[in-house]
Amino acid sequence: MMFSLFLTLIGASILAICLLTLLVWLICLMTNDASVIDLFWGLSFAMIALLSVYLISQTQPFTPYLILLTALPVIWAIRYTLYIWWRNIGHGEDKRYTAMREEIPASQWPLYCLFRVYAFQALAMLIVALPIILGLASGAAHDTKISVLALIGACIWLIGFLFEAIGDFQLAGFIKKRKKLGAEITGKVMDKGLWKYTRHPNYFGNATLWWGVYIVACDTPWGFLSIIGPLFMNYALVKISGAAHLEQTLSKRPEYAQYMEKTSRFIPWFTKQV
C-alpha cells in the first residue's frame, strides 16, 4: 500500500510542478522578468504538501501526524513567499537572472530560461520535497503517530524557521536604516544580531528547517530514505545558489572581506578576534 500511495503522490507532485513551472515561465515571458520564479518557489512546497494530503484524505482520515508534516512546509511557504514578494515587488528583475540573460542571445533566451533555469528549479523542488511526499505516504500507510522523534524534528524546524525569519527581518531593517542615515553611521556590512554569529543566518535557517522536516518524516518506517532532500538543500545553500554565489561578489568589498575573517560562514559561532 505504501509504495502504491507514494507513486500516486510523486506522480501528482511531478505533474503539478510541471504545470506550475510552465505557468510561471509564461508569466516570465509576458513580464520580461525571470525572477518571478522566486515568488513561486515557496508556494510549490505548500502546493505539494496540500495536494498530497488531499489525495490521502480521499481514502482515509487526517491524523495528527499527517497534519503536522503538512503544516510545517505550508507555514514556512506562507512566510517565505510574503517576504520575497515584499522584497522584490517593484524592483525589477533580480540581477542574477539579468546577468544570465545578457550572456544568451535574445532569440534563445525563452527556451534557455525554460530548460536551463526553470526546469532545474522544478527538479530541485521535487528533490527537496521528497521528505514531505515520502513521509506523508509512509505515515498514512502505517498510521504513524506523533512520537518524540517527530517533536524533535518540529523543534528543529522551528529553530530554522526563526533563524530565517529573524535574519531576514534584521537585514531588511539594516538596509532601511542605512538608506535613511547613510553607511557612515550604520556601517556598510550587517554584522549585528544573528548576523554577528553567521554570515548567512537566513540560509542556515532554511537548511535547518528542511532537516527538521526530514526528521519528522523519519518518524515513519520509510521516511529516512528521503535524506537526499535536506542534503541537496544544504549543499545548494552552501555551495551553489546560496552563500558561495553571493560571496563571489561581496568578498571583493574590503568591509565584507574583513567581516568574513571574523564571522562563521554558515553554522552560527562566536566572532573571531582579528
C-alpha atoms as a PDB file:
ATOM      1  CA  MET A   1       0.000   0.000   0.000  1.00  0.00           C
ATOM      2  CA  MET A   2       2.774   2.440   0.909  1.00  0.00           C
ATOM      3  CA  PHE A   3       4.584   2.013  -2.407  1.00  0.00           C
ATOM      4  CA  SER A   4       1.373   2.464  -4.396  1.00  0.00           C
ATOM      5  CA  LEU A   5       0.449   5.570  -2.419  1.00  0.00           C
ATOM      6  CA  PHE A   6       3.951   7.004  -2.832  1.00  0.00           C
ATOM      7  CA  LEU A   7       3.755   6.523  -6.608  1.00  0.00           C
ATOM      8  CA  THR A   8       0.404   8.323  -6.626  1.00  0.00           C
ATOM      9  CA  LEU A   9       1.727  11.239  -4.625  1.00  0.00           C
ATOM     10  CA  ILE A  10       5.011  11.548  -6.510  1.00  0.00           C
ATOM     11  CA  GLY A  11       3.196  11.355  -9.850  1.00  0.00           C
ATOM     12  CA  ALA A  12       0.726  14.040  -8.823  1.00  0.00           C
ATOM     13  CA  SER A  13       3.560  16.206  -7.495  1.00  0.00           C
ATOM     14  CA  ILE A  14       5.546  15.905 -10.720  1.00  0.00           C
ATOM     15  CA  LEU A  15       2.501  16.863 -12.781  1.00  0.00           C
ATOM     16  CA  ALA A  16       1.693  19.813 -10.509  1.00  0.00           C
ATOM     17  CA  ILE A  17       5.293  21.072 -10.551  1.00  0.00           C
ATOM     18  CA  CYS A  18       5.496  20.815 -14.348  1.00  0.00           C
ATOM     19  CA  LEU A  19       2.233  22.717 -14.800  1.00  0.00           C
ATOM     20  CA  LEU A  20       3.293  25.364 -12.288  1.00  0.00           C
ATOM     21  CA  THR A  21       6.680  25.752 -13.968  1.00  0.00           C
ATOM     22  CA  LEU A  22       5.095  26.214 -17.397  1.00  0.00           C
ATOM     23  CA  LEU A  23       2.653  28.767 -15.979  1.00  0.00           C
ATOM     24  CA  VAL A  24       5.413  30.758 -14.304  1.00  0.00           C
ATOM     25  CA  TRP A  25       7.510  30.560 -17.480  1.00  0.00           C
ATOM     26  CA  LEU A  26       4.648  32.114 -19.461  1.00  0.00           C
ATOM     27  CA  ILE A  27       4.354  34.855 -16.846  1.00  0.00           C
ATOM     28  CA  CYS A  28       8.113  35.362 -17.154  1.00  0.00           C
ATOM     29  CA  LEU A  29       7.821  35.861 -20.921  1.00  0.00           C
ATOM     30  CA  MET A  30       4.905  38.273 -20.559  1.00  0.00           C
ATOM     31  CA  THR A  31       6.578  40.368 -17.843  1.00  0.00           C
ATOM     32  CA  ASN A  32      10.149  40.003 -19.129  1.00  0.00           C
ATOM     33  CA  ASP A  33      11.144  39.125 -15.567  1.00  0.00           C
ATOM     34  CA  ALA A  34      12.634  35.683 -14.914  1.00  0.00           C
ATOM     35  CA  SER A  35      12.763  36.274 -11.160  1.00  0.00           C
ATOM     36  CA  VAL A  36       9.002  35.654 -10.846  1.00  0.00           C
ATOM     37  CA  ILE A  37      10.028  32.029 -10.232  1.00  0.00           C
ATOM     38  CA  ASP A  38      11.295  33.118  -6.804  1.00  0.00           C
ATOM     39  CA  LEU A  39       7.737  34.022  -5.787  1.00  0.00           C
ATOM     40  CA  PHE A  40       6.564  30.511  -6.608  1.00  0.00           C
ATOM     41  CA  TRP A  41       9.488  28.615  -5.047  1.00  0.00           C
ATOM     42  CA  GLY A  42       7.992  28.561  -1.563  1.00  0.00           C
ATOM     43  CA  LEU A  43       4.426  28.130  -2.797  1.00  0.00           C
ATOM     44  CA  SER A  44       5.423  24.988  -4.683  1.00  0.00           C
ATOM     45  CA  PHE A  45       6.114  23.146  -1.414  1.00  0.00           C
ATOM     46  CA  ALA A  46       2.799  24.215   0.060  1.00  0.00           C
ATOM     47  CA  MET A  47       1.138  23.007  -3.133  1.00  0.00           C
ATOM     48  CA  ILE A  48       2.861  19.618  -2.931  1.00  0.00           C
ATOM     49  CA  ALA A  49       2.026  19.159   0.756  1.00  0.00           C
ATOM     50  CA  LEU A  50      -1.612  20.175   0.395  1.00  0.00           C
ATOM     51  CA  LEU A  51      -2.104  18.167  -2.801  1.00  0.00           C
ATOM     52  CA  SER A  52      -0.569  15.070  -1.199  1.00  0.00           C
ATOM     53  CA  VAL A  53      -2.637  15.246   1.974  1.00  0.00           C
ATOM     54  CA  TYR A  54      -5.766  15.900  -0.108  1.00  0.00           C
ATOM     55  CA  LEU A  55      -5.186  12.744  -2.158  1.00  0.00           C
ATOM     56  CA  ILE A  56      -4.584  10.780   1.031  1.00  0.00           C
ATOM     57  CA  SER A  57      -7.805  12.142   2.549  1.00  0.00           C
ATOM     58  CA  GLN A  58      -9.826  10.586  -0.277  1.00  0.00           C
ATOM     59  CA  THR A  59      -9.300   7.152   1.244  1.00  0.00           C
ATOM     60  CA  GLN A  60      -8.505   7.793   4.910  1.00  0.00           C
ATOM     61  CA  PRO A  61      -8.990  10.469   7.567  1.00  0.00           C
ATOM     62  CA  PHE A  62      -6.494  13.078   8.653  1.00  0.00           C
ATOM     63  CA  THR A  63      -4.277  12.149  11.570  1.00  0.00           C
ATOM     64  CA  PRO A  64      -2.255  14.440  13.857  1.00  0.00           C
ATOM     65  CA  TYR A  65       0.952  13.217  12.220  1.00  0.00           C
ATOM     66  CA  LEU A  66      -0.264  13.989   8.694  1.00  0.00           C
ATOM     67  CA  ILE A  67      -1.415  17.421   9.832  1.00  0.00           C
ATOM     68  CA  LEU A  68       1.976  18.134  11.432  1.00  0.00           C
ATOM     69  CA  LEU A  69       4.025  17.104   8.393  1.00  0.00           C
ATOM     70  CA  THR A  70       1.732  19.123   6.118  1.00  0.00           C
ATOM     71  CA  ALA A  71       1.656  22.215   8.323  1.00  0.00           C
ATOM     72  CA  LEU A  72       5.437  22.677   8.575  1.00  0.00           C
ATOM     73  CA  PRO A  73       6.126  23.362   4.854  1.00  0.00           C
ATOM     74  CA  VAL A  74       2.850  25.281   4.434  1.00  0.00           C
ATOM     75  CA  ILE A  75       3.587  27.681   7.309  1.00  0.00           C
ATOM     76  CA  TRP A  76       7.132  28.216   6.009  1.00  0.00           C
ATOM     77  CA  ALA A  77       5.887  28.739   2.436  1.00  0.00           C
ATOM     78  CA  ILE A  78       3.447  31.463   3.500  1.00  0.00           C
ATOM     79  CA  ARG A  79       6.099  33.374   5.456  1.00  0.00           C
ATOM     80  CA  TYR A  80       8.770  32.980   2.807  1.00  0.00           C
ATOM     81  CA  THR A  81       6.523  33.927  -0.121  1.00  0.00           C
ATOM     82  CA  LEU A  82       5.206  37.049   1.598  1.00  0.00           C
ATOM     83  CA  TYR A  83       8.768  38.118   2.362  1.00  0.00           C
ATOM     84  CA  ILE A  84      10.002  37.539  -1.198  1.00  0.00           C
ATOM     85  CA  TRP A  85       7.007  39.421  -2.565  1.00  0.00           C
ATOM     86  CA  TRP A  86       7.652  42.350  -0.209  1.00  0.00           C
ATOM     87  CA  ARG A  87      11.375  42.344  -1.011  1.00  0.00           C
ATOM     88  CA  ASN A  88      11.128  42.035  -4.802  1.00  0.00           C
ATOM     89  CA  ILE A  89       7.955  43.878  -5.770  1.00  0.00           C
ATOM     90  CA  GLY A  90       8.705  46.997  -7.786  1.00  0.00           C
ATOM     91  CA  HIS A  91      12.451  46.318  -8.007  1.00  0.00           C
ATOM     92  CA  GLY A  92      12.512  44.695 -11.440  1.00  0.00           C
ATOM     93  CA  GLU A  93      14.293  41.509 -12.415  1.00  0.00           C
ATOM     94  CA  ASP A  94      16.803  40.052  -9.969  1.00  0.00           C
ATOM     95  CA  LYS A  95      20.349  40.772 -11.143  1.00  0.00           C
ATOM     96  CA  ARG A  96      21.184  37.044 -11.127  1.00  0.00           C
ATOM     97  CA  TYR A  97      18.730  36.441 -13.957  1.00  0.00           C
ATOM     98  CA  THR A  98      19.659  39.680 -15.728  1.00  0.00           C
ATOM     99  CA  ALA A  99      23.283  38.510 -15.809  1.00  0.00           C
ATOM    100  CA  MET A 100      22.202  35.198 -17.350  1.00  0.00           C
ATOM    101  CA  ARG A 101      20.019  36.985 -19.878  1.00  0.00           C
ATOM    102  CA  GLU A 102      22.915  39.182 -21.024  1.00  0.00           C
ATOM    103  CA  GLU A 103      25.021  36.115 -21.855  1.00  0.00           C
ATOM    104  CA  ILE A 104      22.348  34.471 -24.032  1.00  0.00           C
ATOM    105  CA  PRO A 105      21.136  35.693 -27.458  1.00  0.00           C
ATOM    106  CA  ALA A 106      17.657  37.195 -27.126  1.00  0.00           C
ATOM    107  CA  SER A 107      16.166  34.662 -29.551  1.00  0.00           C
ATOM    108  CA  GLN A 108      17.461  31.762 -27.440  1.00  0.00           C
ATOM    109  CA  TRP A 109      16.572  33.156 -24.038  1.00  0.00           C
ATOM    110  CA  PRO A 110      12.950  31.827 -23.751  1.00  0.00           C
ATOM    111  CA  LEU A 111      13.953  28.172 -24.235  1.00  0.00           C
ATOM    112  CA  TYR A 112      17.174  28.612 -22.274  1.00  0.00           C
ATOM    113  CA  CYS A 113      15.175  30.059 -19.404  1.00  0.00           C
ATOM    114  CA  LEU A 114      12.681  27.180 -19.529  1.00  0.00           C
ATOM    115  CA  PHE A 115      15.093  24.258 -19.777  1.00  0.00           C
ATOM    116  CA  ARG A 116      18.271  25.527 -18.082  1.00  0.00           C
ATOM    117  CA  VAL A 117      16.805  27.746 -15.359  1.00  0.00           C
ATOM    118  CA  TYR A 118      13.203  26.814 -14.621  1.00  0.00           C
ATOM    119  CA  ALA A 119      13.496  23.073 -15.293  1.00  0.00           C
ATOM    120  CA  PHE A 120      16.438  22.880 -12.887  1.00  0.00           C
ATOM    121  CA  GLN A 121      14.404  24.637 -10.209  1.00  0.00           C
ATOM    122  CA  ALA A 122      11.470  22.301 -10.872  1.00  0.00           C
ATOM    123  CA  LEU A 123      13.752  19.299 -10.320  1.00  0.00           C
ATOM    124  CA  ALA A 124      15.147  20.925  -7.170  1.00  0.00           C
ATOM    125  CA  MET A 125      11.606  21.448  -5.869  1.00  0.00           C
ATOM    126  CA  LEU A 126      10.852  17.757  -6.294  1.00  0.00           C
ATOM    127  CA  ILE A 127      14.078  16.623  -4.614  1.00  0.00           C
ATOM    128  CA  VAL A 128      13.666  18.942  -1.623  1.00  0.00           C
ATOM    129  CA  ALA A 129      10.010  17.936  -1.264  1.00  0.00           C
ATOM    130  CA  LEU A 130      10.799  14.201  -1.045  1.00  0.00           C
ATOM    131  CA  PRO A 131      10.621  14.102   2.794  1.00  0.00           C
ATOM    132  CA  ILE A 132       7.132  15.613   2.571  1.00  0.00           C
ATOM    133  CA  ILE A 133       5.911  13.180  -0.092  1.00  0.00           C
ATOM    134  CA  LEU A 134       7.513  10.032   1.292  1.00  0.00           C
ATOM    135  CA  GLY A 135       6.749  10.971   4.886  1.00  0.00           C
ATOM    136  CA  LEU A 136       3.065  11.525   4.112  1.00  0.00           C
ATOM    137  CA  ALA A 137       2.808   8.315   2.072  1.00  0.00           C
ATOM    138  CA  SER A 138       4.573   6.196   4.671  1.00  0.00           C
ATOM    139  CA  GLY A 139       2.806   7.907   7.560  1.00  0.00           C
ATOM    140  CA  ALA A 140      -0.613   7.353   6.027  1.00  0.00           C
ATOM    141  CA  ALA A 141       0.098   3.730   5.091  1.00  0.00           C
ATOM    142  CA  HIS A 142       1.339   2.826   8.570  1.00  0.00           C
ATOM    143  CA  ASP A 143      -0.970   5.103  10.582  1.00  0.00           C
ATOM    144  CA  THR A 144       2.043   6.827  12.143  1.00  0.00           C
ATOM    145  CA  LYS A 145       1.565   8.527  15.486  1.00  0.00           C
ATOM    146  CA  ILE A 146       3.480  11.613  16.620  1.00  0.00           C
ATOM    147  CA  SER A 147       6.427  10.406  18.694  1.00  0.00           C
ATOM    148  CA  VAL A 148       9.344  12.112  20.417  1.00  0.00           C
ATOM    149  CA  LEU A 149      11.297  11.966  17.134  1.00  0.00           C
ATOM    150  CA  ALA A 150       8.621  13.941  15.299  1.00  0.00           C
ATOM    151  CA  LEU A 151       8.535  16.500  18.112  1.00  0.00           C
ATOM    152  CA  ILE A 152      12.320  16.855  17.947  1.00  0.00           C
ATOM    153  CA  GLY A 153      12.049  17.393  14.194  1.00  0.00           C
ATOM    154  CA  ALA A 154       9.343  20.019  14.703  1.00  0.00           C
ATOM    155  CA  CYS A 155      11.545  21.830  17.241  1.00  0.00           C
ATOM    156  CA  ILE A 156      14.492  21.813  14.807  1.00  0.00           C
ATOM    157  CA  TRP A 157      12.146  23.120  12.103  1.00  0.00           C
ATOM    158  CA  LEU A 158      11.074  25.923  14.457  1.00  0.00           C
ATOM    159  CA  ILE A 159      14.687  26.878  15.183  1.00  0.00           C
ATOM    160  CA  GLY A 160      15.406  27.057  11.463  1.00  0.00           C
ATOM    161  CA  PHE A 161      12.178  28.941  10.766  1.00  0.00           C
ATOM    162  CA  LEU A 162      13.002  31.568  13.389  1.00  0.00           C
ATOM    163  CA  PHE A 163      16.611  31.888  12.235  1.00  0.00           C
ATOM    164  CA  GLU A 164      15.485  32.537   8.671  1.00  0.00           C
ATOM    165  CA  ALA A 165      12.642  34.894   9.588  1.00  0.00           C
ATOM    166  CA  ILE A 166      14.602  36.895  12.181  1.00  0.00           C
ATOM    167  CA  GLY A 167      17.645  37.054   9.899  1.00  0.00           C
ATOM    168  CA  ASP A 168      15.516  38.402   7.043  1.00  0.00           C
ATOM    169  CA  PHE A 169      13.849  40.917   9.380  1.00  0.00           C
ATOM    170  CA  GLN A 170      17.162  42.150  10.774  1.00  0.00           C
ATOM    171  CA  LEU A 171      18.723  42.541   7.336  1.00  0.00           C
ATOM    172  CA  ALA A 172      15.694  44.407   5.978  1.00  0.00           C
ATOM    173  CA  GLY A 173      15.815  46.763   8.963  1.00  0.00           C
ATOM    174  CA  PHE A 174      19.536  47.367   8.457  1.00  0.00           C
ATOM    175  CA  ILE A 175      19.117  48.160   4.760  1.00  0.00           C
ATOM    176  CA  LYS A 176      16.256  50.560   5.502  1.00  0.00           C
ATOM    177  CA  LYS A 177      18.270  52.295   8.223  1.00  0.00           C
ATOM    178  CA  ARG A 178      21.362  52.524   6.023  1.00  0.00           C
ATOM    179  CA  LYS A 179      19.379  54.197   3.252  1.00  0.00           C
ATOM    180  CA  LYS A 180      17.990  56.711   5.732  1.00  0.00           C
ATOM    181  CA  LEU A 181      21.076  57.506   7.813  1.00  0.00           C
ATOM    182  CA  GLY A 182      23.915  56.566   5.489  1.00  0.00           C
ATOM    183  CA  ALA A 183      26.574  53.864   5.656  1.00  0.00           C
ATOM    184  CA  GLU A 184      28.873  56.189   7.625  1.00  0.00           C
ATOM    185  CA  ILE A 185      26.541  55.815  10.621  1.00  0.00           C
ATOM    186  CA  THR A 186      25.157  52.297  10.216  1.00  0.00           C
ATOM    187  CA  GLY A 187      28.226  50.688   8.658  1.00  0.00           C
ATOM    188  CA  LYS A 188      28.409  49.087   5.237  1.00  0.00           C
ATOM    189  CA  VAL A 189      28.005  45.486   6.418  1.00  0.00           C
ATOM    190  CA  MET A 190      25.261  43.960   8.535  1.00  0.00           C
ATOM    191  CA  ASP A 191      27.102  42.381  11.462  1.00  0.00           C
ATOM    192  CA  LYS A 192      24.571  42.748  14.259  1.00  0.00           C
ATOM    193  CA  GLY A 193      22.017  40.356  15.728  1.00  0.00           C
ATOM    194  CA  LEU A 194      22.145  36.884  14.194  1.00  0.00           C
ATOM    195  CA  TRP A 195      24.484  38.238  11.529  1.00  0.00           C
ATOM    196  CA  LYS A 196      27.151  38.574  14.205  1.00  0.00           C
ATOM    197  CA  TYR A 197      27.339  34.794  14.553  1.00  0.00           C
ATOM    198  CA  THR A 198      26.874  33.644  10.960  1.00  0.00           C
ATOM    199  CA  ARG A 199      27.241  35.434   7.642  1.00  0.00           C
ATOM    200  CA  HIS A 200      24.075  33.755   6.386  1.00  0.00           C
ATOM    201  CA  PRO A 201      21.515  33.239   9.164  1.00  0.00           C
ATOM    202  CA  ASN A 202      18.710  33.083   6.599  1.00  0.00           C
ATOM    203  CA  TYR A 203      20.414  30.316   4.596  1.00  0.00           C
ATOM    204  CA  PHE A 204      21.366  28.465   7.778  1.00  0.00           C
ATOM    205  CA  GLY A 205      17.781  28.729   8.980  1.00  0.00           C
ATOM    206  CA  ASN A 206      16.418  27.461   5.677  1.00  0.00           C
ATOM    207  CA  ALA A 207      18.730  24.451   5.676  1.00  0.00           C
ATOM    208  CA  THR A 208      17.902  23.720   9.322  1.00  0.00           C
ATOM    209  CA  LEU A 209      14.150  23.784   8.873  1.00  0.00           C
ATOM    210  CA  TRP A 210      14.355  21.290   5.994  1.00  0.00           C
ATOM    211  CA  TRP A 211      16.399  18.991   8.225  1.00  0.00           C
ATOM    212  CA  GLY A 212      13.573  19.363  10.727  1.00  0.00           C
ATOM    213  CA  VAL A 213      11.007  18.316   8.124  1.00  0.00           C
ATOM    214  CA  TYR A 214      13.186  15.313   7.272  1.00  0.00           C
ATOM    215  CA  ILE A 215      13.421  14.238  10.929  1.00  0.00           C
ATOM    216  CA  VAL A 216       9.628  14.425  11.203  1.00  0.00           C
ATOM    217  CA  ALA A 217       9.431  12.218   8.082  1.00  0.00           C
ATOM    218  CA  CYS A 218      11.827   9.782   9.777  1.00  0.00           C
ATOM    219  CA  ASP A 219       9.077   9.068  12.306  1.00  0.00           C
ATOM    220  CA  THR A 220       7.610   6.815   9.605  1.00  0.00           C
ATOM    221  CA  PRO A 221       9.064   3.440   8.555  1.00  0.00           C
ATOM    222  CA  TRP A 222      10.363   4.661   5.183  1.00  0.00           C
ATOM    223  CA  GLY A 223      10.873   8.371   5.713  1.00  0.00           C
ATOM    224  CA  PHE A 224      14.622   8.014   6.261  1.00  0.00           C
ATOM    225  CA  LEU A 225      15.068   7.193   2.567  1.00  0.00           C
ATOM    226  CA  SER A 226      14.281  10.811   1.652  1.00  0.00           C
ATOM    227  CA  ILE A 227      17.555  12.119   3.080  1.00  0.00           C
ATOM    228  CA  ILE A 228      18.576  13.338  -0.379  1.00  0.00           C
ATOM    229  CA  GLY A 229      16.104  16.216   0.146  1.00  0.00           C
ATOM    230  CA  PRO A 230      17.826  18.019   3.039  1.00  0.00           C
ATOM    231  CA  LEU A 231      21.285  17.013   1.779  1.00  0.00           C
ATOM    232  CA  PHE A 232      20.593  18.642  -1.586  1.00  0.00           C
ATOM    233  CA  MET A 233      19.156  21.791   0.007  1.00  0.00           C
ATOM    234  CA  ASN A 234      22.061  22.078   2.424  1.00  0.00           C
ATOM    235  CA  TYR A 235      24.612  21.664  -0.383  1.00  0.00           C
ATOM    236  CA  ALA A 236      22.824  24.131  -2.659  1.00  0.00           C
ATOM    237  CA  LEU A 237      22.638  26.798   0.046  1.00  0.00           C
ATOM    238  CA  VAL A 238      26.323  26.449   0.900  1.00  0.00           C
ATOM    239  CA  LYS A 239      27.952  25.659  -2.453  1.00  0.00           C
ATOM    240  CA  ILE A 240      25.659  26.530  -5.373  1.00  0.00           C
ATOM    241  CA  SER A 241      22.985  29.236  -5.249  1.00  0.00           C
ATOM    242  CA  GLY A 242      23.345  30.408  -1.667  1.00  0.00           C
ATOM    243  CA  ALA A 243      26.379  31.517   0.302  1.00  0.00           C
ATOM    244  CA  ALA A 244      29.022  30.686  -2.304  1.00  0.00           C
ATOM    245  CA  HIS A 245      27.233  32.531  -5.119  1.00  0.00           C
ATOM    246  CA  LEU A 246      26.526  35.601  -3.003  1.00  0.00           C
ATOM    247  CA  GLU A 247      30.044  35.887  -1.632  1.00  0.00           C
ATOM    248  CA  GLN A 248      31.652  35.774  -5.069  1.00  0.00           C
ATOM    249  CA  THR A 249      30.663  39.420  -5.338  1.00  0.00           C
ATOM    250  CA  LEU A 250      30.584  40.504  -1.708  1.00  0.00           C
ATOM    251  CA  SER A 251      34.086  39.204  -0.939  1.00  0.00           C
ATOM    252  CA  LYS A 252      35.538  41.828  -3.300  1.00  0.00           C
ATOM    253  CA  ARG A 253      34.453  44.568  -0.908  1.00  0.00           C
ATOM    254  CA  PRO A 254      37.089  45.322   1.784  1.00  0.00           C
ATOM    255  CA  GLU A 255      34.485  45.706   4.545  1.00  0.00           C
ATOM    256  CA  TYR A 256      32.870  42.384   3.742  1.00  0.00           C
ATOM    257  CA  ALA A 257      36.226  40.645   3.411  1.00  0.00           C
ATOM    258  CA  GLN A 258      37.012  41.769   6.951  1.00  0.00           C
ATOM    259  CA  TYR A 259      33.585  40.574   8.080  1.00  0.00           C
ATOM    260  CA  MET A 260      34.317  37.172   6.520  1.00  0.00           C
ATOM    261  CA  GLU A 261      37.532  36.831   8.510  1.00  0.00           C
ATOM    262  CA  LYS A 262      35.817  37.126  11.871  1.00  0.00           C
ATOM    263  CA  THR A 263      32.369  35.614  11.257  1.00  0.00           C
ATOM    264  CA  SER A 264      31.377  31.988  10.722  1.00  0.00           C
ATOM    265  CA  ARG A 265      30.288  31.307   7.169  1.00  0.00           C
ATOM    266  CA  PHE A 266      27.244  29.142   7.838  1.00  0.00           C
ATOM    267  CA  ILE A 267      26.873  27.458  11.227  1.00  0.00           C
ATOM    268  CA  PRO A 268      26.470  30.111  13.955  1.00  0.00           C
ATOM    269  CA  TRP A 269      29.538  30.548  16.144  1.00  0.00           C
ATOM    270  CA  PHE A 270      31.255  33.191  18.211  1.00  0.00           C
ATOM    271  CA  THR A 271      33.066  36.049  16.456  1.00  0.00           C
ATOM    272  CA  LYS A 272      36.812  35.636  15.934  1.00  0.00           C
ATOM    273  CA  GLN A 273      39.217  38.319  17.072  1.00  0.00           C
ATOM    274  CA  VAL A 274      41.179  39.689  14.080  1.00  0.00           C
END
